[in-house]
């Protein structure tokens, strides 16, 4: 049985000012977006559109806004609508936690749509560029979750079970680690290889939606559901239900989308 190392959530302290590990993970995620994005814009499709590093920076800025605003609004709508309807000012209290990946995804999709209009190209050309850059960023986020000891797993007796002392003394799945490797590292590698060859417009985006949906759906079986929600219909968590449309739409893009190859 393993014990979660209770790590100071602040990576660096300067008197009363602190830089938290989760903030560091966000910075690393943004850095890898720009680094790997430079490789992505070398693809013939984006060279033909004369994409530059400045385009990547604009995309990152729009994406950050989409993640933060969409993630927060999504959390209030998907997970605690009753509380935030009664206390609307609490929506602004981001420092108290509460972000939804699926809400952040919707925010990013709106940001990509705005950028595609600005760049006079199609939505899926932009989303196909961004999709392979997302999983490694998610991996940094899950690492931040593990450091903070949050989003712990369900009880288990597996040899690698971990006790989270800030929660209780029950051995649990280190579900943050599962998600780090699944929707982060493994999906990132698979998507990078898949996107390295010429694909129909929209297929790379479809691969991401399908891959993330499957990895997240599976990981949710090991992750402790939110106490205020528990399990919903068919014994599935909210995270699993939100993954269902991702999986369906991902399959649609991979098999039915009829765009030309590039």
Protein backbone atom coordinates (compact mmCIF):
# COMPACT_ATOMS: atom_id res chain seq x y z
CA UNK A 1 0.00 0.00 0.00
CA UNK A 2 1.30 3.43 -0.95
CA UNK A 3 0.87 6.70 0.91
CA UNK A 4 0.25 9.90 -1.00
CA UNK A 5 3.14 12.28 -0.32
CA UNK A 6 1.51 15.37 1.11
CA UNK A 7 3.21 18.03 -0.99
CA UNK A 8 3.02 21.72 -0.25
CA UNK A 9 0.61 23.07 -2.92
CA UNK A 10 2.94 26.09 -3.28
CA UNK A 11 5.95 25.34 -5.47
CA UNK A 12 7.69 28.61 -4.58
CA UNK A 13 7.05 31.08 -1.78
CA UNK A 14 8.14 34.70 -1.54
CA UNK A 15 6.87 35.83 1.85
CA UNK A 16 3.09 35.93 1.62
CA UNK A 17 3.22 35.44 -2.17
CA UNK A 18 3.20 31.90 -3.51
CA UNK A 19 3.34 30.22 -6.92
CA UNK A 20 1.25 27.06 -6.74
CA UNK A 21 2.07 23.79 -8.43
CA UNK A 22 -1.19 23.87 -10.35
CA UNK A 23 -0.20 27.23 -11.84
CA UNK A 24 3.18 25.78 -12.79
CA UNK A 25 1.40 22.90 -14.56
CA UNK A 26 -0.69 25.38 -16.54
CA UNK A 27 2.46 27.21 -17.62
CA UNK A 28 4.10 23.95 -18.71
CA UNK A 29 0.96 23.02 -20.65
CA UNK A 30 1.02 26.37 -22.47
CA UNK A 31 4.75 26.02 -23.18
CA UNK A 32 4.34 22.58 -24.76
CA UNK A 33 1.47 23.93 -26.86
CA UNK A 34 3.79 26.51 -28.41
CA UNK A 35 6.71 24.09 -28.73
CA UNK A 36 4.79 21.25 -30.40
CA UNK A 37 2.65 23.74 -32.29
CA UNK A 38 5.74 24.90 -34.17
CA UNK A 39 6.10 21.36 -35.48
CA UNK A 40 2.41 21.11 -36.37
CA UNK A 41 2.35 24.26 -38.51
CA UNK A 42 5.09 22.76 -40.70
CA UNK A 43 2.51 20.35 -42.13
CA UNK A 44 1.65 21.08 -45.82
CA UNK A 45 -1.93 22.06 -44.95
CA UNK A 46 -0.77 24.88 -42.65
CA UNK A 47 2.21 25.88 -44.77
CA UNK A 48 -0.24 26.43 -47.63
CA UNK A 49 -2.19 28.77 -45.34
CA UNK A 50 1.03 30.60 -44.39
CA UNK A 51 0.54 29.97 -40.67
CA UNK A 52 3.10 31.60 -38.40
CA UNK A 53 4.19 31.47 -34.76
CA UNK A 54 2.06 34.57 -34.18
CA UNK A 55 -0.99 32.51 -35.17
CA UNK A 56 -0.05 29.97 -32.48
CA UNK A 57 0.20 32.72 -29.88
CA UNK A 58 -3.22 34.08 -30.87
CA UNK A 59 -4.65 30.57 -30.71
CA UNK A 60 -3.17 30.02 -27.26
CA UNK A 61 -4.59 33.29 -25.94
CA UNK A 62 -8.07 32.47 -27.26
CA UNK A 63 -7.79 28.92 -25.96
CA UNK A 64 -6.80 30.04 -22.45
CA UNK A 65 -9.88 32.26 -22.26
CA UNK A 66 -12.01 29.38 -23.50
CA UNK A 67 -10.58 26.96 -20.94
CA UNK A 68 -11.00 29.29 -17.96
CA UNK A 69 -14.42 30.72 -18.81
CA UNK A 70 -15.84 27.53 -20.28
CA UNK A 71 -14.40 25.36 -17.53
CA UNK A 72 -15.92 27.49 -14.79
CA UNK A 73 -19.30 28.00 -16.44
CA UNK A 74 -19.44 24.32 -17.34
CA UNK A 75 -18.79 23.33 -13.73
CA UNK A 76 -21.60 25.56 -12.49
CA UNK A 77 -24.05 24.16 -15.06
CA UNK A 78 -23.07 20.48 -15.09
CA UNK A 79 -22.23 19.84 -11.45
CA UNK A 80 -23.75 22.40 -9.05
CA UNK A 81 -26.43 24.41 -10.89
CA UNK A 82 -28.66 24.67 -7.82
CA UNK A 83 -25.95 26.13 -5.60
CA UNK A 84 -24.76 28.70 -8.15
CA UNK A 85 -28.31 29.67 -9.08
CA UNK A 86 -28.88 30.49 -5.42
CA UNK A 87 -25.43 32.11 -5.00
CA UNK A 88 -24.51 33.59 -8.43
CA UNK A 89 -21.56 35.60 -7.07
CA UNK A 90 -19.86 32.32 -6.10
CA UNK A 91 -19.31 31.70 -9.81
CA UNK A 92 -16.51 34.28 -9.65
CA UNK A 93 -14.70 32.48 -6.81
CA UNK A 94 -12.40 30.46 -9.06
CA UNK A 95 -9.78 30.29 -6.30
CA UNK A 96 -12.10 27.97 -4.37
CA UNK A 97 -11.84 25.38 -7.15
CA UNK A 98 -14.41 23.96 -9.49
CA UNK A 99 -13.50 23.54 -13.18
CA UNK A 100 -15.04 21.17 -15.71
CA UNK A 101 -13.01 19.66 -18.57
CA UNK A 102 -16.12 19.28 -20.70
CA UNK A 103 -17.08 22.90 -20.07
CA UNK A 104 -13.53 23.97 -20.90
CA UNK A 105 -13.76 21.95 -24.12
CA UNK A 106 -16.91 23.81 -25.15
CA UNK A 107 -15.14 27.09 -24.39
CA UNK A 108 -12.17 26.07 -26.51
CA UNK A 109 -14.46 25.05 -29.38
CA UNK A 110 -15.96 28.54 -29.37
CA UNK A 111 -12.45 30.02 -29.33
CA UNK A 112 -11.43 27.86 -32.30
CA UNK A 113 -14.55 28.90 -34.19
CA UNK A 114 -13.69 32.57 -33.58
CA UNK A 115 -10.11 32.02 -34.72
CA UNK A 116 -11.18 30.14 -37.86
CA UNK A 117 -13.43 33.04 -38.83
CA UNK A 118 -10.63 35.50 -38.18
CA UNK A 119 -8.15 33.43 -40.21
CA UNK A 120 -10.70 32.84 -42.99
CA UNK A 121 -10.42 29.07 -42.82
CA UNK A 122 -12.65 26.24 -41.63
CA UNK A 123 -13.25 25.21 -38.03
CA UNK A 124 -11.92 21.67 -38.51
CA UNK A 125 -8.68 22.84 -40.12
CA UNK A 126 -8.00 24.73 -36.88
CA UNK A 127 -9.23 21.98 -34.55
CA UNK A 128 -7.12 19.38 -36.39
CA UNK A 129 -4.07 21.55 -35.71
CA UNK A 130 -4.85 21.93 -32.01
CA UNK A 131 -6.07 18.41 -31.18
CA UNK A 132 -2.63 16.71 -30.96
CA UNK A 133 -1.41 19.49 -28.66
CA UNK A 134 -4.14 18.98 -26.06
CA UNK A 135 -3.41 15.58 -24.41
CA UNK A 136 0.08 16.46 -23.20
CA UNK A 137 -1.34 19.64 -21.69
CA UNK A 138 -3.99 17.53 -19.95
CA UNK A 139 -1.20 15.31 -18.60
CA UNK A 140 0.33 18.30 -16.82
CA UNK A 141 -3.09 19.12 -15.38
CA UNK A 142 -3.51 15.60 -13.97
CA UNK A 143 -0.03 15.81 -12.49
CA UNK A 144 -1.17 18.95 -10.72
CA UNK A 145 -4.23 17.08 -9.43
CA UNK A 146 -1.97 14.37 -8.01
CA UNK A 147 0.37 16.84 -6.34
CA UNK A 148 -2.62 18.55 -4.74
CA UNK A 149 -4.07 15.22 -3.66
CA UNK A 150 -7.43 15.99 -5.30
CA UNK A 151 -9.77 13.98 -7.53
CA UNK A 152 -8.79 10.79 -5.71
CA UNK A 153 -10.04 7.34 -6.65
CA UNK A 154 -12.49 4.82 -5.31
CA UNK A 155 -11.51 2.28 -2.61
CA UNK A 156 -9.56 -0.73 -3.88
CA UNK A 157 -7.33 -3.55 -2.62
CA UNK A 158 -4.98 -3.55 -5.62
CA UNK A 159 -1.24 -3.66 -4.79
CA UNK A 160 -0.69 -0.08 -5.98
CA UNK A 161 -3.60 1.30 -3.94
CA UNK A 162 -2.79 4.62 -2.32
CA UNK A 163 -3.97 6.22 0.90
CA UNK A 164 -4.74 9.94 0.70
CA UNK A 165 -4.33 11.08 4.33
CA UNK A 166 -6.13 14.36 3.67
CA UNK A 167 -9.24 12.30 2.81
CA UNK A 168 -9.22 9.19 5.02
CA UNK A 169 -7.17 6.05 5.70
CA UNK A 170 -8.82 3.92 3.01
CA UNK A 171 -6.60 2.57 0.17
CA UNK A 172 -7.81 4.06 -3.10
CA UNK A 173 -7.09 4.05 -6.81
CA UNK A 174 -4.56 6.76 -7.74
CA UNK A 175 -7.00 7.81 -10.45
CA UNK A 176 -5.08 11.00 -11.23
CA UNK A 177 -2.17 8.79 -12.35
CA UNK A 178 -4.48 6.67 -14.52
CA UNK A 179 -5.72 9.81 -16.24
CA UNK A 180 -2.20 11.19 -16.55
CA UNK A 181 -1.15 8.15 -18.56
CA UNK A 182 -4.45 7.47 -20.36
CA UNK A 183 -5.94 10.73 -21.59
CA UNK A 184 -2.55 12.42 -21.34
CA UNK A 185 0.54 10.47 -22.37
CA UNK A 186 -0.95 7.49 -24.28
CA UNK A 187 -3.57 9.52 -26.12
CA UNK A 188 -0.98 12.19 -26.87
CA UNK A 189 1.45 9.71 -28.44
CA UNK A 190 -1.27 7.92 -30.41
CA UNK A 191 -2.76 11.18 -31.68
CA UNK A 192 0.64 12.58 -32.64
CA UNK A 193 1.42 9.46 -34.70
CA UNK A 194 -2.07 9.44 -36.26
CA UNK A 195 -1.88 13.11 -37.22
CA UNK A 196 1.56 12.65 -38.77
CA UNK A 197 -0.01 11.26 -41.94
CA UNK A 198 -2.41 12.93 -44.36
CA UNK A 199 -5.95 12.69 -43.01
CA UNK A 200 -9.34 13.95 -44.10
CA UNK A 201 -10.23 17.28 -42.54
CA UNK A 202 -11.94 16.58 -39.23
CA UNK A 203 -10.53 13.09 -38.67
CA UNK A 204 -7.76 14.20 -36.31
CA UNK A 205 -10.36 16.05 -34.26
CA UNK A 206 -12.54 12.94 -34.32
CA UNK A 207 -9.65 10.78 -33.12
CA UNK A 208 -9.14 13.11 -30.16
CA UNK A 209 -12.83 13.15 -29.21
CA UNK A 210 -13.10 9.37 -29.45
CA UNK A 211 -9.81 8.70 -27.69
CA UNK A 212 -10.38 11.13 -24.84
CA UNK A 213 -13.97 9.97 -24.41
CA UNK A 214 -12.91 6.33 -24.09
CA UNK A 215 -9.95 6.95 -21.76
CA UNK A 216 -11.96 9.27 -19.51
CA UNK A 217 -14.98 6.95 -19.49
CA UNK A 218 -12.79 4.06 -18.34
CA UNK A 219 -10.91 6.11 -15.76
CA UNK A 220 -14.17 7.26 -14.17
CA UNK A 221 -14.77 3.68 -12.96
CA UNK A 222 -11.73 4.15 -10.71
CA UNK A 223 -12.39 7.78 -9.77
CA UNK A 224 -14.49 8.72 -6.75
CA UNK A 225 -17.64 10.47 -8.01
CA UNK A 226 -18.42 13.92 -6.67
CA UNK A 227 -20.02 13.56 -3.24
CA UNK A 228 -22.81 16.01 -4.06
CA UNK A 229 -23.73 14.09 -7.23
CA UNK A 230 -22.81 10.45 -6.69
CA UNK A 231 -23.59 8.08 -9.54
CA UNK A 232 -26.36 8.92 -11.99
CA UNK A 233 -28.44 6.84 -14.39
CA UNK A 234 -27.16 3.33 -15.21
CA UNK A 235 -24.63 3.70 -12.41
CA UNK A 236 -22.52 6.12 -14.46
CA UNK A 237 -20.87 9.29 -13.21
CA UNK A 238 -21.47 12.76 -14.60
CA UNK A 239 -18.04 12.59 -16.26
CA UNK A 240 -19.01 9.38 -18.05
CA UNK A 241 -22.32 10.78 -19.29
CA UNK A 242 -20.53 13.85 -20.64
CA UNK A 243 -18.12 11.57 -22.50
CA UNK A 244 -20.90 9.76 -24.37
CA UNK A 245 -21.57 12.56 -26.92
CA UNK A 246 -17.81 13.00 -27.37
CA UNK A 247 -17.44 9.34 -28.32
CA UNK A 248 -20.43 9.42 -30.67
CA UNK A 249 -19.32 12.61 -32.44
CA UNK A 250 -15.73 11.32 -32.63
CA UNK A 251 -16.91 8.18 -34.43
CA UNK A 252 -18.99 10.34 -36.76
CA UNK A 253 -16.03 12.50 -37.76
CA UNK A 254 -13.79 9.47 -38.30
CA UNK A 255 -16.20 7.47 -40.43
CA UNK A 256 -18.67 9.80 -42.13
CA UNK A 257 -16.98 13.17 -42.61
CA UNK A 258 -16.34 13.49 -46.34
CA UNK A 259 -13.75 16.28 -46.63
CA UNK A 260 -10.80 16.11 -49.00
CA UNK A 261 -7.39 14.97 -47.81
CA UNK A 262 -4.61 17.51 -47.45
